[in-house]
């Protein structure tokens, strides 16, 4: 069995970022990257509010540091359900998302 976690659901579910330290790296082969704004709050935020990594208030540095400490390969996958992005060119959104993910990783793990 494996766990498919993501930045948004850690926040939405009220899980502490530090809880990632309790998960064995082999049980976490993929981690969905996204971010969330400060408003709306955790109680009313929805899937549609996910934004590019680095554009919100998520503690991405702490999350990425905990994932790196697993010492096992973890695939970072962009996951966005933001309708504003759906209206844009898919290739542009994918390229922007990849660049934002790379920036977050390079900022955390130089």
PDB file of N, CA and C in Angstrom:
ATOM      1  N   UNK A   1       0.841  -1.179   0.000  1.00  0.00           N
ATOM      2  CA  UNK A   1       0.000   0.000   0.000  1.00  0.00           C
ATOM      3  C   UNK A   1       0.881   1.235   0.000  1.00  0.00           C
ATOM      4  N   UNK A   2       0.347   2.308  -0.547  1.00  0.00           N
ATOM      5  CA  UNK A   2       1.071   3.570  -0.610  1.00  0.00           C
ATOM      6  C   UNK A   2       0.130   4.707  -0.232  1.00  0.00           C
ATOM      7  N   UNK A   3       0.724   5.805   0.142  1.00  0.00           N
ATOM      8  CA  UNK A   3      -0.018   7.009   0.481  1.00  0.00           C
ATOM      9  C   UNK A   3       0.205   8.022  -0.634  1.00  0.00           C
ATOM     10  N   UNK A   4      -0.858   8.656  -1.080  1.00  0.00           N
ATOM     11  CA  UNK A   4      -0.761   9.710  -2.089  1.00  0.00           C
ATOM     12  C   UNK A   4      -1.165  11.016  -1.414  1.00  0.00           C
ATOM     13  N   UNK A   5      -0.187  11.714  -0.895  1.00  0.00           N
ATOM     14  CA  UNK A   5      -0.437  12.953  -0.159  1.00  0.00           C
ATOM     15  C   UNK A   5      -0.191  14.159  -1.043  1.00  0.00           C
ATOM     16  N   UNK A   6      -0.697  15.295  -0.597  1.00  0.00           N
ATOM     17  CA  UNK A   6      -0.422  16.538  -1.316  1.00  0.00           C
ATOM     18  C   UNK A   6      -0.480  17.717  -0.358  1.00  0.00           C
ATOM     19  N   UNK A   7       0.087  18.814  -0.799  1.00  0.00           N
ATOM     20  CA  UNK A   7       0.192  20.031   0.003  1.00  0.00           C
ATOM     21  C   UNK A   7      -1.200  20.486   0.449  1.00  0.00           C
ATOM     22  N   UNK A   8      -2.137  20.564  -0.485  1.00  0.00           N
ATOM     23  CA  UNK A   8      -3.484  21.058  -0.200  1.00  0.00           C
ATOM     24  C   UNK A   8      -4.185  20.220   0.859  1.00  0.00           C
ATOM     25  N   UNK A   9      -4.147  18.901   0.717  1.00  0.00           N
ATOM     26  CA  UNK A   9      -4.887  18.056   1.660  1.00  0.00           C
ATOM     27  C   UNK A   9      -4.267  18.018   3.050  1.00  0.00           C
ATOM     28  N   UNK A  10      -2.965  18.210   3.163  1.00  0.00           N
ATOM     29  CA  UNK A  10      -2.381  18.349   4.498  1.00  0.00           C
ATOM     30  C   UNK A  10      -3.020  19.541   5.198  1.00  0.00           C
ATOM     31  N   UNK A  11      -3.160  20.634   4.465  1.00  0.00           N
ATOM     32  CA  UNK A  11      -3.765  21.855   5.012  1.00  0.00           C
ATOM     33  C   UNK A  11      -5.263  21.660   5.267  1.00  0.00           C
ATOM     34  N   UNK A  12      -5.977  21.208   4.280  1.00  0.00           N
ATOM     35  CA  UNK A  12      -7.438  21.054   4.370  1.00  0.00           C
ATOM     36  C   UNK A  12      -7.821  20.105   5.500  1.00  0.00           C
ATOM     37  N   UNK A  13      -7.065  19.046   5.655  1.00  0.00           N
ATOM     38  CA  UNK A  13      -7.359  18.060   6.688  1.00  0.00           C
ATOM     39  C   UNK A  13      -6.860  18.445   8.065  1.00  0.00           C
ATOM     40  N   UNK A  14      -6.122  19.535   8.145  1.00  0.00           N
ATOM     41  CA  UNK A  14      -5.618  19.986   9.430  1.00  0.00           C
ATOM     42  C   UNK A  14      -4.425  19.195   9.937  1.00  0.00           C
ATOM     43  N   UNK A  15      -3.754  18.477   9.052  1.00  0.00           N
ATOM     44  CA  UNK A  15      -2.584  17.695   9.456  1.00  0.00           C
ATOM     45  C   UNK A  15      -1.361  18.592   9.580  1.00  0.00           C
ATOM     46  N   UNK A  16      -0.595  18.358  10.597  1.00  0.00           N
ATOM     47  CA  UNK A  16       0.653  19.100  10.757  1.00  0.00           C
ATOM     48  C   UNK A  16       1.637  18.646   9.691  1.00  0.00           C
ATOM     49  N   UNK A  17       2.369  19.582   9.141  1.00  0.00           N
ATOM     50  CA  UNK A  17       3.387  19.254   8.148  1.00  0.00           C
ATOM     51  C   UNK A  17       4.345  18.213   8.717  1.00  0.00           C
ATOM     52  N   UNK A  18       4.646  18.318   9.988  1.00  0.00           N
ATOM     53  CA  UNK A  18       5.581  17.406  10.651  1.00  0.00           C
ATOM     54  C   UNK A  18       5.098  15.960  10.627  1.00  0.00           C
ATOM     55  N   UNK A  19       3.811  15.756  10.381  1.00  0.00           N
ATOM     56  CA  UNK A  19       3.287  14.383  10.307  1.00  0.00           C
ATOM     57  C   UNK A  19       3.896  13.613   9.142  1.00  0.00           C
ATOM     58  N   UNK A  20       4.416  14.310   8.146  1.00  0.00           N
ATOM     59  CA  UNK A  20       5.089  13.634   7.034  1.00  0.00           C
ATOM     60  C   UNK A  20       6.299  12.842   7.514  1.00  0.00           C
ATOM     61  N   UNK A  21       6.893  13.269   8.611  1.00  0.00           N
ATOM     62  CA  UNK A  21       8.065  12.565   9.158  1.00  0.00           C
ATOM     63  C   UNK A  21       7.695  11.161   9.631  1.00  0.00           C
ATOM     64  N   UNK A  22       6.430  10.915   9.892  1.00  0.00           N
ATOM     65  CA  UNK A  22       5.980   9.615  10.384  1.00  0.00           C
ATOM     66  C   UNK A  22       5.778   8.590   9.271  1.00  0.00           C
ATOM     67  N   UNK A  23       5.789   9.043   8.029  1.00  0.00           N
ATOM     68  CA  UNK A  23       5.523   8.175   6.884  1.00  0.00           C
ATOM     69  C   UNK A  23       6.841   7.690   6.296  1.00  0.00           C
ATOM     70  N   UNK A  24       6.973   6.387   6.164  1.00  0.00           N
ATOM     71  CA  UNK A  24       8.153   5.809   5.534  1.00  0.00           C
ATOM     72  C   UNK A  24       8.209   6.252   4.071  1.00  0.00           C
ATOM     73  N   UNK A  25       9.375   6.610   3.613  1.00  0.00           N
ATOM     74  CA  UNK A  25       9.540   7.068   2.237  1.00  0.00           C
ATOM     75  C   UNK A  25       9.067   6.069   1.198  1.00  0.00           C
ATOM     76  N   UNK A  26       9.188   4.775   1.484  1.00  0.00           N
ATOM     77  CA  UNK A  26       8.737   3.758   0.536  1.00  0.00           C
ATOM     78  C   UNK A  26       7.222   3.722   0.397  1.00  0.00           C
ATOM     79  N   UNK A  27       6.507   4.287   1.371  1.00  0.00           N
ATOM     80  CA  UNK A  27       5.049   4.331   1.312  1.00  0.00           C
ATOM     81  C   UNK A  27       4.551   5.623   0.676  1.00  0.00           C
ATOM     82  N   UNK A  28       5.477   6.452   0.220  1.00  0.00           N
ATOM     83  CA  UNK A  28       5.137   7.758  -0.344  1.00  0.00           C
ATOM     84  C   UNK A  28       5.855   7.946  -1.684  1.00  0.00           C
ATOM     85  N   UNK A  29       5.509   7.130  -2.683  1.00  0.00           N
ATOM     86  CA  UNK A  29       6.256   7.193  -3.948  1.00  0.00           C
ATOM     87  C   UNK A  29       5.985   8.448  -4.776  1.00  0.00           C
ATOM     88  N   UNK A  30       4.809   9.067  -4.567  1.00  0.00           N
ATOM     89  CA  UNK A  30       4.429  10.264  -5.318  1.00  0.00           C
ATOM     90  C   UNK A  30       3.855  11.276  -4.332  1.00  0.00           C
ATOM     91  N   UNK A  31       4.181  12.530  -4.543  1.00  0.00           N
ATOM     92  CA  UNK A  31       3.632  13.594  -3.709  1.00  0.00           C
ATOM     93  C   UNK A  31       3.127  14.692  -4.630  1.00  0.00           C
ATOM     94  N   UNK A  32       1.868  15.057  -4.489  1.00  0.00           N
ATOM     95  CA  UNK A  32       1.277  16.103  -5.334  1.00  0.00           C
ATOM     96  C   UNK A  32       1.660  17.485  -4.831  1.00  0.00           C
ATOM     97  N   UNK A  33       2.200  18.274  -5.728  1.00  0.00           N
ATOM     98  CA  UNK A  33       2.598  19.643  -5.422  1.00  0.00           C
ATOM     99  C   UNK A  33       1.505  20.613  -5.859  1.00  0.00           C
ATOM    100  N   UNK A  34       1.228  21.544  -4.999  1.00  0.00           N
ATOM    101  CA  UNK A  34       0.330  22.656  -5.258  1.00  0.00           C
ATOM    102  C   UNK A  34       0.525  23.633  -4.121  1.00  0.00           C
ATOM    103  N   UNK A  35      -0.280  24.640  -4.062  1.00  0.00           N
ATOM    104  CA  UNK A  35      -0.222  25.623  -2.987  1.00  0.00           C
ATOM    105  C   UNK A  35      -1.649  26.082  -2.742  1.00  0.00           C
ATOM    106  N   UNK A  36      -1.825  26.920  -1.753  1.00  0.00           N
ATOM    107  CA  UNK A  36      -3.156  27.437  -1.441  1.00  0.00           C
ATOM    108  C   UNK A  36      -3.020  28.869  -0.938  1.00  0.00           C
ATOM    109  N   UNK A  37      -4.058  29.679  -1.186  1.00  0.00           N
ATOM    110  CA  UNK A  37      -4.021  31.062  -0.714  1.00  0.00           C
ATOM    111  C   UNK A  37      -4.345  31.131   0.784  1.00  0.00           C
ATOM    112  N   UNK A  38      -4.086  32.268   1.392  1.00  0.00           N
ATOM    113  CA  UNK A  38      -4.415  32.458   2.794  1.00  0.00           C
ATOM    114  C   UNK A  38      -5.910  32.578   3.047  1.00  0.00           C
ATOM    115  N   UNK A  39      -6.639  33.001   2.027  1.00  0.00           N
ATOM    116  CA  UNK A  39      -8.092  33.151   2.110  1.00  0.00           C
ATOM    117  C   UNK A  39      -8.678  32.464   0.894  1.00  0.00           C
ATOM    118  N   UNK A  40      -9.691  31.621   1.017  1.00  0.00           N
ATOM    119  CA  UNK A  40     -10.467  31.319   2.216  1.00  0.00           C
ATOM    120  C   UNK A  40      -9.687  30.435   3.193  1.00  0.00           C
ATOM    121  N   UNK A  41     -10.197  30.362   4.403  1.00  0.00           N
ATOM    122  CA  UNK A  41      -9.560  29.569   5.444  1.00  0.00           C
ATOM    123  C   UNK A  41      -9.711  28.077   5.227  1.00  0.00           C
ATOM    124  N   UNK A  42      -9.033  27.320   6.057  1.00  0.00           N
ATOM    125  CA  UNK A  42      -8.996  25.860   5.930  1.00  0.00           C
ATOM    126  C   UNK A  42     -10.391  25.235   5.906  1.00  0.00           C
ATOM    127  N   UNK A  43     -11.314  25.776   6.681  1.00  0.00           N
ATOM    128  CA  UNK A  43     -12.652  25.189   6.779  1.00  0.00           C
ATOM    129  C   UNK A  43     -13.444  25.301   5.485  1.00  0.00           C
ATOM    130  N   UNK A  44     -13.206  26.351   4.717  1.00  0.00           N
ATOM    131  CA  UNK A  44     -14.014  26.549   3.506  1.00  0.00           C
ATOM    132  C   UNK A  44     -13.223  26.469   2.208  1.00  0.00           C
ATOM    133  N   UNK A  45     -11.915  26.277   2.295  1.00  0.00           N
ATOM    134  CA  UNK A  45     -11.123  26.164   1.075  1.00  0.00           C
ATOM    135  C   UNK A  45     -11.553  24.908   0.306  1.00  0.00           C
ATOM    136  N   UNK A  46     -11.469  24.964  -1.010  1.00  0.00           N
ATOM    137  CA  UNK A  46     -11.910  23.849  -1.858  1.00  0.00           C
ATOM    138  C   UNK A  46     -10.841  23.512  -2.890  1.00  0.00           C
ATOM    139  N   UNK A  47     -11.013  22.376  -3.527  1.00  0.00           N
ATOM    140  CA  UNK A  47     -10.063  21.935  -4.559  1.00  0.00           C
ATOM    141  C   UNK A  47      -9.778  23.037  -5.572  1.00  0.00           C
ATOM    142  N   UNK A  48     -10.805  23.778  -5.948  1.00  0.00           N
ATOM    143  CA  UNK A  48     -10.675  24.822  -6.975  1.00  0.00           C
ATOM    144  C   UNK A  48      -9.745  25.957  -6.567  1.00  0.00           C
ATOM    145  N   UNK A  49      -9.425  26.034  -5.269  1.00  0.00           N
ATOM    146  CA  UNK A  49      -8.575  27.109  -4.772  1.00  0.00           C
ATOM    147  C   UNK A  49      -7.085  26.794  -4.861  1.00  0.00           C
ATOM    148  N   UNK A  50      -6.728  25.606  -5.306  1.00  0.00           N
ATOM    149  CA  UNK A  50      -5.308  25.257  -5.426  1.00  0.00           C
ATOM    150  C   UNK A  50      -4.634  26.147  -6.460  1.00  0.00           C
ATOM    151  N   UNK A  51      -3.429  26.561  -6.135  1.00  0.00           N
ATOM    152  CA  UNK A  51      -2.677  27.443  -7.029  1.00  0.00           C
ATOM    153  C   UNK A  51      -1.270  26.889  -7.226  1.00  0.00           C
ATOM    154  N   UNK A  52      -0.528  27.539  -8.108  1.00  0.00           N
ATOM    155  CA  UNK A  52       0.832  27.098  -8.397  1.00  0.00           C
ATOM    156  C   UNK A  52       1.673  27.056  -7.121  1.00  0.00           C
ATOM    157  N   UNK A  53       2.565  26.089  -7.033  1.00  0.00           N
ATOM    158  CA  UNK A  53       3.498  26.053  -5.899  1.00  0.00           C
ATOM    159  C   UNK A  53       4.288  27.357  -5.812  1.00  0.00           C
ATOM    160  N   UNK A  54       4.369  27.893  -4.610  1.00  0.00           N
ATOM    161  CA  UNK A  54       5.101  29.140  -4.408  1.00  0.00           C
ATOM    162  C   UNK A  54       4.258  30.382  -4.517  1.00  0.00           C
ATOM    163  N   UNK A  55       3.015  30.254  -4.964  1.00  0.00           N
ATOM    164  CA  UNK A  55       2.145  31.419  -5.109  1.00  0.00           C
ATOM    165  C   UNK A  55       1.208  31.603  -3.920  1.00  0.00           C
ATOM    166  N   UNK A  56       1.352  30.788  -2.898  1.00  0.00           N
ATOM    167  CA  UNK A  56       0.435  30.864  -1.773  1.00  0.00           C
ATOM    168  C   UNK A  56       1.141  30.879  -0.441  1.00  0.00           C
ATOM    169  N   UNK A  57       0.482  30.330   0.555  1.00  0.00           N
ATOM    170  CA  UNK A  57       0.982  30.392   1.926  1.00  0.00           C
ATOM    171  C   UNK A  57       1.429  29.038   2.478  1.00  0.00           C
ATOM    172  N   UNK A  58       1.446  28.015   1.664  1.00  0.00           N
ATOM    173  CA  UNK A  58       1.850  26.684   2.129  1.00  0.00           C
ATOM    174  C   UNK A  58       3.318  26.681   2.551  1.00  0.00           C
ATOM    175  N   UNK A  59       3.649  25.913   3.578  1.00  0.00           N
ATOM    176  CA  UNK A  59       5.049  25.815   4.022  1.00  0.00           C
ATOM    177  C   UNK A  59       5.840  24.840   3.142  1.00  0.00           C
ATOM    178  N   UNK A  60       6.020  25.209   1.888  1.00  0.00           N
ATOM    179  CA  UNK A  60       6.667  24.315   0.920  1.00  0.00           C
ATOM    180  C   UNK A  60       8.082  23.939   1.326  1.00  0.00           C
ATOM    181  N   UNK A  61       8.832  24.891   1.876  1.00  0.00           N
ATOM    182  CA  UNK A  61      10.206  24.576   2.274  1.00  0.00           C
ATOM    183  C   UNK A  61      10.223  23.445   3.298  1.00  0.00           C
ATOM    184  N   UNK A  62       9.391  23.554   4.313  1.00  0.00           N
ATOM    185  CA  UNK A  62       9.341  22.521   5.354  1.00  0.00           C
ATOM    186  C   UNK A  62       8.907  21.182   4.781  1.00  0.00           C
ATOM    187  N   UNK A  63       7.926  21.198   3.894  1.00  0.00           N
ATOM    188  CA  UNK A  63       7.432  19.958   3.278  1.00  0.00           C
ATOM    189  C   UNK A  63       8.538  19.308   2.452  1.00  0.00           C
ATOM    190  N   UNK A  64       9.181  20.087   1.611  1.00  0.00           N
ATOM    191  CA  UNK A  64      10.226  19.533   0.749  1.00  0.00           C
ATOM    192  C   UNK A  64      11.420  19.038   1.564  1.00  0.00           C
ATOM    193  N   UNK A  65      11.760  19.718   2.643  1.00  0.00           N
ATOM    194  CA  UNK A  65      12.850  19.249   3.501  1.00  0.00           C
ATOM    195  C   UNK A  65      12.510  17.900   4.131  1.00  0.00           C
ATOM    196  N   UNK A  66      11.265  17.751   4.581  1.00  0.00           N
ATOM    197  CA  UNK A  66      10.857  16.471   5.164  1.00  0.00           C
ATOM    198  C   UNK A  66      10.873  15.355   4.116  1.00  0.00           C
ATOM    199  N   UNK A  67      10.453  15.665   2.906  1.00  0.00           N
ATOM    200  CA  UNK A  67      10.469  14.658   1.839  1.00  0.00           C
ATOM    201  C   UNK A  67      11.899  14.269   1.491  1.00  0.00           C
ATOM    202  N   UNK A  68      12.803  15.241   1.472  1.00  0.00           N
ATOM    203  CA  UNK A  68      14.197  14.941   1.149  1.00  0.00           C
ATOM    204  C   UNK A  68      14.813  14.013   2.195  1.00  0.00           C
ATOM    205  N   UNK A  69      14.440  14.163   3.435  1.00  0.00           N
ATOM    206  CA  UNK A  69      14.993  13.342   4.514  1.00  0.00           C
ATOM    207  C   UNK A  69      14.586  11.872   4.404  1.00  0.00           C
ATOM    208  N   UNK A  70      13.650  11.568   3.535  1.00  0.00           N
ATOM    209  CA  UNK A  70      13.213  10.181   3.354  1.00  0.00           C
ATOM    210  C   UNK A  70      14.310   9.333   2.718  1.00  0.00           C
ATOM    211  N   UNK A  71      15.253   9.966   2.030  1.00  0.00           N
ATOM    212  CA  UNK A  71      16.348   9.256   1.353  1.00  0.00           C
ATOM    213  C   UNK A  71      15.845   8.171   0.412  1.00  0.00           C
ATOM    214  N   UNK A  72      14.732   8.441  -0.220  1.00  0.00           N
ATOM    215  CA  UNK A  72      14.180   7.547  -1.235  1.00  0.00           C
ATOM    216  C   UNK A  72      13.561   8.421  -2.323  1.00  0.00           C
ATOM    217  N   UNK A  73      13.587   7.981  -3.559  1.00  0.00           N
ATOM    218  CA  UNK A  73      13.001   8.805  -4.616  1.00  0.00           C
ATOM    219  C   UNK A  73      11.500   9.010  -4.404  1.00  0.00           C
ATOM    220  N   UNK A  74      11.084  10.258  -4.456  1.00  0.00           N
ATOM    221  CA  UNK A  74       9.670  10.610  -4.384  1.00  0.00           C
ATOM    222  C   UNK A  74       9.381  11.504  -5.579  1.00  0.00           C
ATOM    223  N   UNK A  75       8.443  11.087  -6.386  1.00  0.00           N
ATOM    224  CA  UNK A  75       8.074  11.843  -7.577  1.00  0.00           C
ATOM    225  C   UNK A  75       7.178  12.998  -7.163  1.00  0.00           C
ATOM    226  N   UNK A  76       7.525  14.193  -7.599  1.00  0.00           N
ATOM    227  CA  UNK A  76       6.690  15.354  -7.363  1.00  0.00           C
ATOM    228  C   UNK A  76       5.802  15.561  -8.582  1.00  0.00           C
ATOM    229  N   UNK A  77       4.507  15.609  -8.334  1.00  0.00           N
ATOM    230  CA  UNK A  77       3.530  15.699  -9.407  1.00  0.00           C
ATOM    231  C   UNK A  77       2.676  16.952  -9.203  1.00  0.00           C
ATOM    232  N   UNK A  78       2.521  17.746 -10.231  1.00  0.00           N
ATOM    233  CA  UNK A  78       1.698  18.946 -10.147  1.00  0.00           C
ATOM    234  C   UNK A  78       0.225  18.554 -10.170  1.00  0.00           C
ATOM    235  N   UNK A  79      -0.544  19.069  -9.211  1.00  0.00           N
ATOM    236  CA  UNK A  79      -1.984  18.767  -9.167  1.00  0.00           C
ATOM    237  C   UNK A  79      -2.745  20.061  -8.893  1.00  0.00           C
ATOM    238  N   UNK A  80      -3.473  20.508  -9.892  1.00  0.00           N
ATOM    239  CA  UNK A  80      -4.234  21.749  -9.793  1.00  0.00           C
ATOM    240  C   UNK A  80      -5.657  21.529 -10.301  1.00  0.00           C
ATOM    241  N   UNK A  81      -6.629  22.012  -9.555  1.00  0.00           N
ATOM    242  CA  UNK A  81      -8.023  21.948  -9.986  1.00  0.00           C
ATOM    243  C   UNK A  81      -8.605  23.355 -10.091  1.00  0.00           C
ATOM    244  N   UNK A  82      -7.758  24.304 -10.389  1.00  0.00           N
ATOM    245  CA  UNK A  82      -8.126  25.704 -10.437  1.00  0.00           C
ATOM    246  C   UNK A  82      -8.754  26.021 -11.791  1.00  0.00           C
ATOM    247  N   UNK A  83      -9.994  26.443 -11.765  1.00  0.00           N
ATOM    248  CA  UNK A  83     -10.727  26.691 -13.021  1.00  0.00           C
ATOM    249  C   UNK A  83     -10.130  27.828 -13.835  1.00  0.00           C
ATOM    250  N   UNK A  84      -9.463  28.770 -13.161  1.00  0.00           N
ATOM    251  CA  UNK A  84      -8.789  29.841 -13.909  1.00  0.00           C
ATOM    252  C   UNK A  84      -7.678  29.266 -14.786  1.00  0.00           C
ATOM    253  N   UNK A  85      -6.990  28.250 -14.279  1.00  0.00           N
ATOM    254  CA  UNK A  85      -5.946  27.602 -15.068  1.00  0.00           C
ATOM    255  C   UNK A  85      -6.543  26.780 -16.201  1.00  0.00           C
ATOM    256  N   UNK A  86      -7.708  26.206 -15.968  1.00  0.00           N
ATOM    257  CA  UNK A  86      -8.360  25.400 -17.002  1.00  0.00           C
ATOM    258  C   UNK A  86      -8.692  26.245 -18.232  1.00  0.00           C
ATOM    259  N   UNK A  87      -8.894  27.530 -18.039  1.00  0.00           N
ATOM    260  CA  UNK A  87      -9.244  28.422 -19.151  1.00  0.00           C
ATOM    261  C   UNK A  87      -8.013  28.818 -19.969  1.00  0.00           C
ATOM    262  N   UNK A  88      -6.839  28.505 -19.473  1.00  0.00           N
ATOM    263  CA  UNK A  88      -5.595  28.861 -20.141  1.00  0.00           C
ATOM    264  C   UNK A  88      -5.102  27.705 -21.008  1.00  0.00           C
ATOM    265  N   UNK A  89      -4.137  28.010 -21.820  1.00  0.00           N
ATOM    266  CA  UNK A  89      -3.515  26.989 -22.652  1.00  0.00           C
ATOM    267  C   UNK A  89      -2.875  25.923 -21.758  1.00  0.00           C
ATOM    268  N   UNK A  90      -3.205  24.669 -21.998  1.00  0.00           N
ATOM    269  CA  UNK A  90      -2.725  23.576 -21.142  1.00  0.00           C
ATOM    270  C   UNK A  90      -1.202  23.485 -21.108  1.00  0.00           C
ATOM    271  N   UNK A  91      -0.555  23.691 -22.234  1.00  0.00           N
ATOM    272  CA  UNK A  91       0.903  23.627 -22.263  1.00  0.00           C
ATOM    273  C   UNK A  91       1.514  24.752 -21.434  1.00  0.00           C
ATOM    274  N   UNK A  92       0.939  25.942 -21.507  1.00  0.00           N
ATOM    275  CA  UNK A  92       1.424  27.065 -20.713  1.00  0.00           C
ATOM    276  C   UNK A  92       1.277  26.764 -19.219  1.00  0.00           C
ATOM    277  N   UNK A  93       0.149  26.209 -18.817  1.00  0.00           N
ATOM    278  CA  UNK A  93      -0.079  25.872 -17.407  1.00  0.00           C
ATOM    279  C   UNK A  93       0.919  24.809 -16.955  1.00  0.00           C
ATOM    280  N   UNK A  94       1.127  23.798 -17.790  1.00  0.00           N
ATOM    281  CA  UNK A  94       2.077  22.735 -17.439  1.00  0.00           C
ATOM    282  C   UNK A  94       3.497  23.289 -17.307  1.00  0.00           C
ATOM    283  N   UNK A  95       3.908  24.117 -18.247  1.00  0.00           N
ATOM    284  CA  UNK A  95       5.255  24.695 -18.195  1.00  0.00           C
ATOM    285  C   UNK A  95       5.418  25.611 -16.984  1.00  0.00           C
ATOM    286  N   UNK A  96       4.416  26.423 -16.716  1.00  0.00           N
ATOM    287  CA  UNK A  96       4.459  27.322 -15.563  1.00  0.00           C
ATOM    288  C   UNK A  96       4.514  26.508 -14.273  1.00  0.00           C
ATOM    289  N   UNK A  97       3.682  25.487 -14.174  1.00  0.00           N
ATOM    290  CA  UNK A  97       3.667  24.643 -12.988  1.00  0.00           C
ATOM    291  C   UNK A  97       4.995  23.944 -12.762  1.00  0.00           C
ATOM    292  N   UNK A  98       5.593  23.426 -13.830  1.00  0.00           N
ATOM    293  CA  UNK A  98       6.891  22.761 -13.719  1.00  0.00           C
ATOM    294  C   UNK A  98       7.957  23.748 -13.251  1.00  0.00           C
ATOM    295  N   UNK A  99       7.946  24.937 -13.814  1.00  0.00           N
ATOM    296  CA  UNK A  99       8.920  25.949 -13.416  1.00  0.00           C
ATOM    297  C   UNK A  99       8.737  26.334 -11.945  1.00  0.00           C
ATOM    298  N   UNK A 100       7.492  26.475 -11.518  1.00  0.00           N
ATOM    299  CA  UNK A 100       7.219  26.815 -10.114  1.00  0.00           C
ATOM    300  C   UNK A 100       7.688  25.696  -9.185  1.00  0.00           C
ATOM    301  N   UNK A 101       7.492  24.459  -9.588  1.00  0.00           N
ATOM    302  CA  UNK A 101       7.953  23.328  -8.785  1.00  0.00           C
ATOM    303  C   UNK A 101       9.475  23.331  -8.693  1.00  0.00           C
ATOM    304  N   UNK A 102      10.138  23.537  -9.816  1.00  0.00           N
ATOM    305  CA  UNK A 102      11.603  23.587  -9.828  1.00  0.00           C
ATOM    306  C   UNK A 102      12.116  24.702  -8.922  1.00  0.00           C
ATOM    307  N   UNK A 103      11.485  25.855  -8.974  1.00  0.00           N
ATOM    308  CA  UNK A 103      11.902  26.978  -8.130  1.00  0.00           C
ATOM    309  C   UNK A 103      11.753  26.630  -6.650  1.00  0.00           C
ATOM    310  N   UNK A 104      10.661  25.989  -6.295  1.00  0.00           N
ATOM    311  CA  UNK A 104      10.436  25.615  -4.891  1.00  0.00           C
ATOM    312  C   UNK A 104      11.496  24.631  -4.421  1.00  0.00           C
ATOM    313  N   UNK A 105      11.810  23.662  -5.267  1.00  0.00           N
ATOM    314  CA  UNK A 105      12.822  22.663  -4.894  1.00  0.00           C
ATOM    315  C   UNK A 105      14.199  23.310  -4.800  1.00  0.00           C
ATOM    316  N   UNK A 106      14.554  24.128  -5.781  1.00  0.00           N
ATOM    317  CA  UNK A 106      15.876  24.771  -5.778  1.00  0.00           C
ATOM    318  C   UNK A 106      16.028  25.727  -4.597  1.00  0.00           C
ATOM    319  N   UNK A 107      14.943  26.358  -4.190  1.00  0.00           N
ATOM    320  CA  UNK A 107      14.976  27.263  -3.040  1.00  0.00           C
ATOM    321  C   UNK A 107      15.213  26.479  -1.742  1.00  0.00           C
ATOM    322  N   UNK A 108      14.667  25.290  -1.682  1.00  0.00           N
ATOM    323  CA  UNK A 108      14.747  24.477  -0.476  1.00  0.00           C
ATOM    324  C   UNK A 108      15.993  23.596  -0.464  1.00  0.00           C
ATOM    325  N   UNK A 109      16.303  23.015  -1.615  1.00  0.00           N
ATOM    326  CA  UNK A 109      17.385  22.050  -1.717  1.00  0.00           C
ATOM    327  C   UNK A 109      18.347  22.549  -2.797  1.00  0.00           C
ATOM    328  N   UNK A 110      19.252  23.471  -2.442  1.00  0.00           N
ATOM    329  CA  UNK A 110      20.140  24.060  -3.455  1.00  0.00           C
ATOM    330  C   UNK A 110      21.132  23.052  -4.019  1.00  0.00           C
TER     331      UNK A 110
END
